[in-house]
Amino acid sequence: MAKGEKNFSALPARPNKERIVLVDRPGSPQSIILAGQVTPIDPRGEFAAITGANDVLGGNFLSRINMDLRETKGWSYGVRGTTQLNANVVPFLLTAPVQADRTGDSIRALSQDIRDFLGAKGVTDEELSRTVASRINQLPGQFETSDAVLSAMQTNALYGRPDDYYELLVGQYQTQTRATLDAALRGALDPNGFVWVVVGDAAKIRPQLAKLRMPIEVMEPR
C-alpha cells in the first residue's frame, strides 16, 4: 500500500465573517471560549516581530486581553492568545475560561481588544520596551538542559533555520519597533476571521450569544 501524503495546499479559506459554535454542557458553572483562525504566516519566515506583537496582544500575563478580562473586568482567571508554529501552517488560537454569566460580554470584549490592536491602538512605547527586554532576558534560561538544546536543534532543522538562529535573536529583537510589531500582526490576523467555540450551559449562555449578532451553531456533546 502506498504511503499517504498530506495536502496542505487544500486548506479551507479563512472565513470573512465571525461565527459561533456552541457546545452545550448543561450545568457548567463557567464557559470555555476558544477562538482561532488560520494565518498566512510562513512557518519558515522571521518570527521575532510576530512573537513580540503577540506578547503584547495575548502572549503573556501582561498582555492586553489578559489584563482586560482578568485584571480589569474580573471575568476570567487567565486569557491567552498564541500563534501555533507548525511545519506547514500557523493558526492563531485564543483560550479564555470565563464566568458563565459573562460569556457574551467576554467575546465582545475580546473581539474589541483585537480590533483595537489591529486598528488605531497598536503597540505603545512601554509595551515595546517591556516585550523586547522580556524576550532577550529569557533566552539564556531556554537552554539549561541537554533536552532543551536538542529541542532547539530539532526546531531549527524542521523550519530550515541556521544553526546559530538563537544567537541571532537578540539582534532581531533589538531592531523591532512599534511599527514592525504592528505590521506583523496586522498582516497575520483578520478580526472577522475568527470562529468562536464556546463550551458551556446553552440554556444560560445562548441568550447572551444571540446579542452578538453572529451565526450560532449548536452542538450536543457526544
Protein backbone atom coordinates (compact mmCIF):
# COMPACT_ATOMS: atom_id res chain seq x y z
CA MET A 1 0.00 0.00 0.00
CA ALA A 2 1.35 3.41 -0.99
CA LYS A 3 2.15 5.81 1.80
CA GLY A 4 -0.40 8.61 2.16
CA GLU A 5 0.53 12.26 1.73
CA LYS A 6 -0.91 15.30 3.46
CA ASN A 7 -2.04 18.08 1.14
CA PHE A 8 -1.75 21.40 2.95
CA SER A 9 -2.42 23.36 -0.24
CA ALA A 10 -6.11 22.45 0.12
CA LEU A 11 -6.68 24.22 3.44
CA PRO A 12 -10.09 25.88 3.69
CA ALA A 13 -10.19 29.62 3.18
CA ARG A 14 -10.27 31.81 6.26
CA PRO A 15 -13.86 32.95 6.86
CA ASN A 16 -14.70 36.60 6.28
CA LYS A 17 -17.36 36.73 8.97
CA GLU A 18 -17.22 35.69 12.62
CA ARG A 19 -19.40 32.83 13.80
CA ILE A 20 -20.01 30.88 17.00
CA VAL A 21 -20.05 27.12 17.60
CA LEU A 22 -21.81 26.43 20.90
CA VAL A 23 -21.16 23.08 22.61
CA ASP A 24 -23.85 22.51 25.24
CA ARG A 25 -22.62 21.40 28.66
CA PRO A 26 -25.66 21.61 30.97
CA GLY A 27 -24.95 22.79 34.48
CA SER A 28 -21.49 24.14 33.71
CA PRO A 29 -20.56 26.91 36.20
CA GLN A 30 -18.28 28.59 33.69
CA SER A 31 -17.78 28.76 29.94
CA ILE A 32 -14.68 27.91 27.95
CA ILE A 33 -14.13 30.17 24.97
CA LEU A 34 -11.78 29.05 22.23
CA ALA A 35 -11.28 31.02 19.05
CA GLY A 36 -9.00 30.56 16.10
CA GLN A 37 -8.15 31.27 12.52
CA VAL A 38 -5.55 30.08 10.03
CA THR A 39 -2.99 32.80 9.31
CA PRO A 40 -0.84 33.44 6.23
CA ILE A 41 2.32 33.39 8.40
CA ASP A 42 5.22 31.50 6.81
CA PRO A 43 6.47 28.99 9.44
CA ARG A 44 9.93 29.26 7.91
CA GLY A 45 9.97 33.04 7.95
CA GLU A 46 11.09 35.60 10.51
CA PHE A 47 9.25 35.31 13.83
CA ALA A 48 10.73 37.98 16.09
CA ALA A 49 8.15 40.61 15.14
CA ILE A 50 5.21 38.19 15.29
CA THR A 51 6.32 36.88 18.68
CA GLY A 52 6.77 40.35 20.12
CA ALA A 53 3.45 41.61 18.79
CA ASN A 54 1.59 38.61 20.14
CA ASP A 55 3.19 39.08 23.55
CA VAL A 56 1.51 42.49 23.64
CA LEU A 57 -1.87 41.22 22.48
CA GLY A 58 -2.19 37.86 24.19
CA GLY A 59 1.08 36.03 24.77
CA ASN A 60 1.82 36.69 28.43
CA PHE A 61 0.31 37.77 31.73
CA LEU A 62 0.60 41.50 30.96
CA SER A 63 -1.00 41.11 27.54
CA ARG A 64 -3.96 43.28 26.69
CA ILE A 65 -6.59 40.57 26.59
CA ASN A 66 -5.48 39.02 29.89
CA MET A 67 -5.26 42.35 31.68
CA ASP A 68 -8.68 43.32 30.33
CA LEU A 69 -10.66 40.19 31.21
CA ARG A 70 -8.74 39.14 34.34
CA GLU A 71 -7.46 42.30 35.99
CA THR A 72 -9.87 44.99 34.81
CA LYS A 73 -13.14 43.12 34.43
CA GLY A 74 -12.55 40.12 36.70
CA TRP A 75 -14.38 37.69 34.41
CA SER A 76 -11.55 35.16 33.97
CA TYR A 77 -8.55 33.69 35.77
CA GLY A 78 -6.47 33.89 32.61
CA VAL A 79 -6.73 34.55 28.88
CA ARG A 80 -4.15 33.69 26.26
CA GLY A 81 -3.65 34.13 22.55
CA THR A 82 -0.85 32.47 20.64
CA THR A 83 0.47 31.70 17.18
CA GLN A 84 0.87 27.93 16.93
CA LEU A 85 4.00 27.25 14.89
CA ASN A 86 3.69 24.11 12.77
CA ALA A 87 5.64 22.82 9.81
CA ASN A 88 3.05 23.75 7.18
CA VAL A 89 0.52 26.13 8.67
CA VAL A 90 0.38 28.64 11.55
CA PRO A 91 -3.00 29.11 13.24
CA PHE A 92 -3.73 31.78 15.84
CA LEU A 93 -5.56 30.35 18.86
CA LEU A 94 -7.21 32.10 21.77
CA THR A 95 -8.39 30.48 25.01
CA ALA A 96 -10.49 32.10 27.72
CA PRO A 97 -12.28 30.34 30.60
CA VAL A 98 -14.86 32.86 31.84
CA GLN A 99 -17.73 33.04 34.29
CA ALA A 100 -20.91 31.81 32.65
CA ASP A 101 -22.96 34.98 33.08
CA ARG A 102 -20.29 36.99 31.24
CA THR A 103 -19.77 34.69 28.26
CA GLY A 104 -21.29 37.00 25.67
CA ASP A 105 -19.66 40.08 27.20
CA SER A 106 -16.29 38.31 27.18
CA ILE A 107 -16.47 37.51 23.47
CA ARG A 108 -17.49 41.09 22.76
CA ALA A 109 -14.58 42.42 24.81
CA LEU A 110 -12.05 40.05 23.25
CA SER A 111 -13.21 40.88 19.75
CA GLN A 112 -12.96 44.60 20.51
CA ASP A 113 -9.49 44.26 22.05
CA ILE A 114 -8.28 42.51 18.92
CA ARG A 115 -9.89 45.06 16.62
CA ASP A 116 -8.38 47.91 18.63
CA PHE A 117 -4.91 46.40 18.40
CA LEU A 118 -5.21 45.78 14.66
CA GLY A 119 -6.63 49.27 14.18
CA ALA A 120 -5.70 52.56 15.78
CA LYS A 121 -4.40 51.25 19.13
CA GLY A 122 -1.18 49.49 18.21
CA VAL A 123 1.88 48.79 20.33
CA THR A 124 2.88 51.55 22.76
CA ASP A 125 6.43 52.57 23.67
CA GLU A 126 6.06 50.95 27.09
CA GLU A 127 4.79 47.69 25.59
CA LEU A 128 7.64 47.64 23.07
CA SER A 129 10.33 48.15 25.71
CA ARG A 130 8.82 45.57 28.05
CA THR A 131 8.40 42.95 25.33
CA VAL A 132 11.88 43.32 23.86
CA ALA A 133 13.51 43.21 27.31
CA SER A 134 11.48 40.18 28.33
CA ARG A 135 12.28 38.25 25.17
CA ILE A 136 16.01 38.94 25.41
CA ASN A 137 16.29 38.24 29.13
CA GLN A 138 14.55 34.88 28.91
CA LEU A 139 16.78 33.49 26.16
CA PRO A 140 19.58 32.09 28.40
CA GLY A 141 17.10 30.18 30.50
CA GLN A 142 15.77 28.33 27.48
CA PHE A 143 18.91 26.18 27.19
CA GLU A 144 19.54 24.98 30.74
CA THR A 145 19.21 21.26 29.91
CA SER A 146 20.52 18.98 27.19
CA ASP A 147 16.91 18.20 26.22
CA ALA A 148 16.26 21.92 25.66
CA VAL A 149 19.35 22.24 23.47
CA LEU A 150 18.36 19.17 21.45
CA SER A 151 14.81 20.52 21.04
CA ALA A 152 16.19 23.83 19.73
CA MET A 153 18.37 21.97 17.22
CA GLN A 154 15.39 19.93 16.04
CA THR A 155 13.29 23.08 15.70
CA ASN A 156 15.99 24.73 13.60
CA ALA A 157 16.14 21.69 11.32
CA LEU A 158 12.35 21.49 10.98
CA TYR A 159 11.96 25.12 9.92
CA GLY A 160 15.13 25.43 7.86
CA ARG A 161 16.83 27.84 10.25
CA PRO A 162 20.60 28.36 10.53
CA ASP A 163 22.41 26.61 13.37
CA ASP A 164 23.12 29.97 15.04
CA TYR A 165 19.48 31.08 14.87
CA TYR A 166 19.12 31.61 18.63
CA GLU A 167 22.37 33.58 18.77
CA LEU A 168 20.89 36.00 16.24
CA LEU A 169 17.62 36.52 18.11
CA VAL A 170 18.94 39.24 20.42
CA GLY A 171 19.80 41.45 17.45
CA GLN A 172 16.47 40.72 15.83
CA TYR A 173 14.54 41.69 18.94
CA GLN A 174 16.61 44.84 19.41
CA THR A 175 15.76 46.08 15.92
CA GLN A 176 11.99 45.84 16.46
CA THR A 177 9.91 48.99 16.56
CA ARG A 178 6.29 49.77 17.27
CA ALA A 179 5.72 49.86 13.51
CA THR A 180 7.29 46.45 12.83
CA LEU A 181 5.29 44.79 15.61
CA ASP A 182 2.05 46.42 14.47
CA ALA A 183 2.63 45.41 10.85
CA ALA A 184 3.47 41.81 11.76
CA LEU A 185 0.20 41.00 13.50
CA ARG A 186 -1.95 43.21 11.30
CA GLY A 187 -0.69 41.25 8.33
CA ALA A 188 -1.45 37.95 10.03
CA LEU A 189 -4.88 38.36 11.63
CA ASP A 190 -8.29 39.25 10.27
CA PRO A 191 -10.66 40.42 13.03
CA ASN A 192 -13.55 38.99 11.01
CA GLY A 193 -11.83 35.63 10.50
CA PHE A 194 -12.46 34.04 13.90
CA VAL A 195 -14.55 31.00 14.68
CA TRP A 196 -15.58 31.22 18.33
CA VAL A 197 -16.12 27.84 20.00
CA VAL A 198 -17.95 28.11 23.33
CA VAL A 199 -18.40 25.20 25.73
CA GLY A 200 -20.97 25.86 28.44
CA ASP A 201 -24.57 25.66 29.58
CA ALA A 202 -26.50 26.61 26.45
CA ALA A 203 -29.64 27.49 28.39
CA LYS A 204 -27.70 30.17 30.27
CA ILE A 205 -25.38 31.48 27.60
CA ARG A 206 -27.22 31.25 24.29
CA PRO A 207 -29.34 34.37 25.02
CA GLN A 208 -26.08 36.23 25.67
CA LEU A 209 -24.53 34.98 22.44
CA ALA A 210 -27.59 35.94 20.42
CA LYS A 211 -26.93 39.59 21.29
CA LEU A 212 -23.59 39.41 19.47
CA ARG A 213 -25.42 39.05 16.14
CA MET A 214 -23.15 36.25 14.91
CA PRO A 215 -24.37 33.00 13.35
CA ILE A 216 -24.66 30.31 16.06
CA GLU A 217 -24.32 26.57 15.52
CA VAL A 218 -25.28 24.41 18.50
CA MET A 219 -23.57 21.04 19.00
CA GLU A 220 -24.51 18.40 21.53
CA PRO A 221 -21.58 16.66 23.26
CA ARG A 222 -21.18 13.01 22.32
